[in-house]
């Protein structure tokens, strides 16, 4: 089995592009992003700018590219094992899209946190991306209705975007807590997607 597909996207400097892929059945996918127009090439002979191959077979995979310059970028989805098809979703932080429930700039004063509340659309994924518009070091926590911490994203470092998603078993309300790791002020763009 060898399912592959590529998508050409116009990107802007430091404006994250999110590729979220939902495989069916036992399909396991790997994602990669490349600089330039590599349309139709699903195994480019160049080094990827970003790659993701972390999820188990049949589970969604997510890749976030924060381009260092304006230009065209090719996103590739490649099946690594298993059987099934996939659905690919592309998002950015400012373009309205189905399922986007929060999409706005926001700020934190030093030593504060901000909490957003969202509800999933049944058992469909909820995706959160925050991108500092300054050099703050932001982190995000996704908290369940029972106040249990479900996941944390704090990998990007100062000025780096953070991404997390959850896979609910049914309709669930979540709290999304945004904080600055060093208790400093922060300016950021947030997008929350409740997949339809």
Protein backbone atom coordinates (compact mmCIF):
# COMPACT_ATOMS: atom_id res chain seq x y z
CA UNK A 1 0.00 0.00 0.00
CA UNK A 2 1.32 3.42 -0.89
CA UNK A 3 -1.13 6.30 -0.42
CA UNK A 4 0.48 9.71 -0.90
CA UNK A 5 -0.76 13.20 -1.55
CA UNK A 6 0.71 16.69 -1.66
CA UNK A 7 -0.74 20.17 -1.17
CA UNK A 8 0.76 23.46 -2.35
CA UNK A 9 0.23 26.34 0.10
CA UNK A 10 1.26 29.99 0.03
CA UNK A 11 2.84 30.92 3.34
CA UNK A 12 3.80 34.15 5.07
CA UNK A 13 6.83 34.68 7.27
CA UNK A 14 6.21 33.50 10.86
CA UNK A 15 2.49 32.79 10.15
CA UNK A 16 1.91 29.15 11.18
CA UNK A 17 0.20 26.74 8.80
CA UNK A 18 -1.47 23.71 10.38
CA UNK A 19 -1.95 20.37 8.59
CA UNK A 20 -4.23 18.00 10.49
CA UNK A 21 -4.75 14.55 8.98
CA UNK A 22 -7.37 12.02 10.10
CA UNK A 23 -6.63 8.48 8.87
CA UNK A 24 -9.21 5.70 8.75
CA UNK A 25 -8.97 2.16 10.04
CA UNK A 26 -5.36 1.03 10.60
CA UNK A 27 -3.71 3.57 8.31
CA UNK A 28 -0.60 5.22 9.76
CA UNK A 29 0.49 8.48 8.12
CA UNK A 30 3.62 10.64 8.17
CA UNK A 31 3.51 14.36 7.34
CA UNK A 32 6.21 16.65 5.97
CA UNK A 33 6.50 20.26 4.75
CA UNK A 34 8.97 21.44 2.12
CA UNK A 35 10.00 24.82 0.74
CA UNK A 36 8.93 25.58 -2.81
CA UNK A 37 6.52 24.15 -5.34
CA UNK A 38 7.02 20.41 -5.32
CA UNK A 39 3.50 19.73 -6.64
CA UNK A 40 2.89 16.10 -7.35
CA UNK A 41 6.06 15.00 -5.57
CA UNK A 42 5.24 12.84 -2.59
CA UNK A 43 8.81 11.77 -1.85
CA UNK A 44 10.89 14.90 -2.56
CA UNK A 45 14.67 14.43 -2.59
CA UNK A 46 15.19 17.44 -0.31
CA UNK A 47 15.19 17.86 3.46
CA UNK A 48 11.81 18.66 5.02
CA UNK A 49 11.40 21.94 6.91
CA UNK A 50 9.11 20.15 9.36
CA UNK A 51 7.86 16.60 9.80
CA UNK A 52 5.46 14.67 12.01
CA UNK A 53 5.14 10.93 12.52
CA UNK A 54 4.14 10.60 16.16
CA UNK A 55 0.62 9.14 16.29
CA UNK A 56 -0.38 5.50 16.35
CA UNK A 57 -2.02 3.87 13.35
CA UNK A 58 -5.57 5.10 12.81
CA UNK A 59 -4.98 8.21 14.97
CA UNK A 60 -4.72 11.83 13.74
CA UNK A 61 -1.37 13.38 12.95
CA UNK A 62 -0.64 17.13 13.14
CA UNK A 63 2.12 19.26 11.66
CA UNK A 64 2.67 22.99 12.20
CA UNK A 65 5.01 24.95 9.94
CA UNK A 66 6.06 28.49 10.89
CA UNK A 67 7.81 29.65 7.70
CA UNK A 68 10.90 31.80 8.09
CA UNK A 69 10.09 33.62 4.84
CA UNK A 70 7.19 34.28 2.48
CA UNK A 71 6.76 31.75 -0.30
CA UNK A 72 5.22 28.55 -1.54
CA UNK A 73 5.35 25.39 0.58
CA UNK A 74 4.46 21.79 -0.26
CA UNK A 75 2.83 19.65 2.43
CA UNK A 76 3.06 15.89 1.91
CA UNK A 77 0.93 13.14 3.47
CA UNK A 78 2.39 9.67 3.12
CA UNK A 79 0.98 6.35 4.33
CA UNK A 80 3.62 4.41 6.27
CA UNK A 81 1.58 1.28 7.05
CA UNK A 82 -1.91 -0.12 7.42
CA UNK A 83 -5.08 0.16 5.37
CA UNK A 84 -7.58 2.97 4.87
CA UNK A 85 -7.99 6.47 3.52
CA UNK A 86 -7.42 9.85 5.13
CA UNK A 87 -8.90 13.33 5.27
CA UNK A 88 -6.49 16.28 5.35
CA UNK A 89 -7.37 19.70 6.81
CA UNK A 90 -5.28 22.86 6.34
CA UNK A 91 -5.66 25.86 8.64
CA UNK A 92 -3.86 29.09 9.44
CA UNK A 93 -4.37 31.49 12.33
CA UNK A 94 -6.33 34.18 10.50
CA UNK A 95 -8.44 32.65 7.68
CA UNK A 96 -12.02 31.79 8.69
CA UNK A 97 -12.75 28.08 8.23
CA UNK A 98 -15.42 25.55 9.20
CA UNK A 99 -15.02 24.52 12.83
CA UNK A 100 -12.99 27.57 13.89
CA UNK A 101 -14.63 28.74 17.13
CA UNK A 102 -11.94 31.10 18.44
CA UNK A 103 -9.63 33.06 16.16
CA UNK A 104 -8.27 36.27 17.64
CA UNK A 105 -5.28 38.20 18.90
CA UNK A 106 -5.00 38.44 22.68
CA UNK A 107 -2.64 39.51 25.47
CA UNK A 108 -1.54 38.46 28.93
CA UNK A 109 -0.38 40.87 31.61
CA UNK A 110 2.68 39.73 33.54
CA UNK A 111 1.88 36.92 35.99
CA UNK A 112 -1.63 36.23 34.60
CA UNK A 113 -3.32 33.39 32.71
CA UNK A 114 -6.21 33.42 30.30
CA UNK A 115 -8.81 30.66 30.02
CA UNK A 116 -11.04 29.96 27.02
CA UNK A 117 -13.92 27.49 27.16
CA UNK A 118 -14.97 25.38 24.18
CA UNK A 119 -17.19 22.37 23.61
CA UNK A 120 -16.37 19.59 21.17
CA UNK A 121 -18.75 18.67 18.36
CA UNK A 122 -19.46 15.18 19.56
CA UNK A 123 -16.46 12.86 19.40
CA UNK A 124 -14.60 15.10 16.91
CA UNK A 125 -11.09 16.46 17.63
CA UNK A 126 -10.45 19.85 19.24
CA UNK A 127 -7.27 21.61 18.06
CA UNK A 128 -5.58 24.59 19.76
CA UNK A 129 -2.73 26.70 18.35
CA UNK A 130 -1.20 29.77 20.00
CA UNK A 131 1.47 31.85 18.32
CA UNK A 132 3.25 34.64 20.21
CA UNK A 133 3.46 37.89 18.27
CA UNK A 134 6.39 38.88 20.49
CA UNK A 135 9.24 36.84 21.98
CA UNK A 136 7.23 35.57 24.94
CA UNK A 137 7.40 31.87 25.87
CA UNK A 138 3.77 30.77 25.94
CA UNK A 139 2.34 27.41 26.99
CA UNK A 140 -1.14 25.96 26.79
CA UNK A 141 -3.00 23.43 28.90
CA UNK A 142 -6.17 21.60 27.86
CA UNK A 143 -8.27 20.77 30.91
CA UNK A 144 -11.29 18.43 30.94
CA UNK A 145 -14.72 19.10 32.44
CA UNK A 146 -13.56 17.25 35.59
CA UNK A 147 -10.59 19.70 35.92
CA UNK A 148 -8.11 16.97 34.92
CA UNK A 149 -5.13 18.16 32.87
CA UNK A 150 -5.42 16.32 29.54
CA UNK A 151 -2.43 17.71 27.64
CA UNK A 152 0.13 20.49 27.77
CA UNK A 153 2.07 22.16 24.96
CA UNK A 154 5.27 23.93 25.92
CA UNK A 155 7.88 22.98 23.34
CA UNK A 156 8.35 26.03 21.10
CA UNK A 157 10.50 28.28 23.29
CA UNK A 158 10.44 32.10 23.15
CA UNK A 159 8.46 33.31 20.14
CA UNK A 160 7.51 29.75 19.11
CA UNK A 161 4.01 28.48 18.35
CA UNK A 162 2.42 25.82 20.57
CA UNK A 163 -0.10 23.23 19.38
CA UNK A 164 -2.24 20.59 21.08
CA UNK A 165 -5.27 18.52 20.25
CA UNK A 166 -7.62 16.21 22.12
CA UNK A 167 -9.81 13.37 20.90
CA UNK A 168 -13.05 13.37 22.92
CA UNK A 169 -15.23 10.29 23.32
CA UNK A 170 -18.39 12.41 23.06
CA UNK A 171 -19.50 16.00 23.47
CA UNK A 172 -17.13 17.46 26.06
CA UNK A 173 -16.43 20.96 27.40
CA UNK A 174 -12.78 21.94 27.73
CA UNK A 175 -10.92 24.79 29.35
CA UNK A 176 -7.88 26.01 27.45
CA UNK A 177 -5.44 27.81 29.73
CA UNK A 178 -2.79 30.08 28.18
CA UNK A 179 0.17 31.22 30.26
CA UNK A 180 3.60 32.78 29.85
CA UNK A 181 6.19 30.33 31.17
CA UNK A 182 8.33 32.98 32.89
CA UNK A 183 5.31 34.92 34.26
CA UNK A 184 6.02 37.80 31.87
CA UNK A 185 3.57 39.61 29.60
CA UNK A 186 2.63 38.04 26.26
CA UNK A 187 0.92 39.01 23.03
CA UNK A 188 -0.35 36.12 20.92
CA UNK A 189 -2.75 34.90 18.24
CA UNK A 190 -5.00 31.97 19.18
CA UNK A 191 -7.08 29.65 17.06
CA UNK A 192 -9.31 26.89 18.43
CA UNK A 193 -10.89 24.43 16.02
CA UNK A 194 -13.70 22.07 16.95
CA UNK A 195 -13.71 19.70 14.00
CA UNK A 196 -17.09 19.15 12.38
